[in-house]
């Protein structure tokens, strides 16, 4: 009787371990994990959200190719255009700068925060070179 119970417990343990391993996501490489935006709630995924097959909930970004998105306040409208050179300086490493070029400027200025009197265009800058160790 004890052997039967032991064998049943071993089978139950194997089933539980198999279920746990199928629920564990393993990254294909080391890197920074970026949680994806929920497709219709305008926020990042959170614990308890429902996911389905094919839905991206997290990714490991390629830090060798980065873009910067920054506000361009409406007083500077017309001064910045697609194709212009740009330079990005990180707050954490102000002594280094990273060259790039403007790849997009939004057509319409929007409020950067609720109830703000200022409006800003979104500007995207593609960086020519990056330093993944510094920019993580």
Foldseek 3Di string as FASTA:
>chain_A
DVVVVVVVVVVVVVVVVVVVVVPDDDDPDDADKAADADPPPRGGDDPPDDDDPPDDGIDGDDQFKDKDKDWAWPVCPPVADFFAKDWDADPVHNVDIFIWTWHDWAPDWDDPDPPDPITTIIIMTITPGGDRVVPD
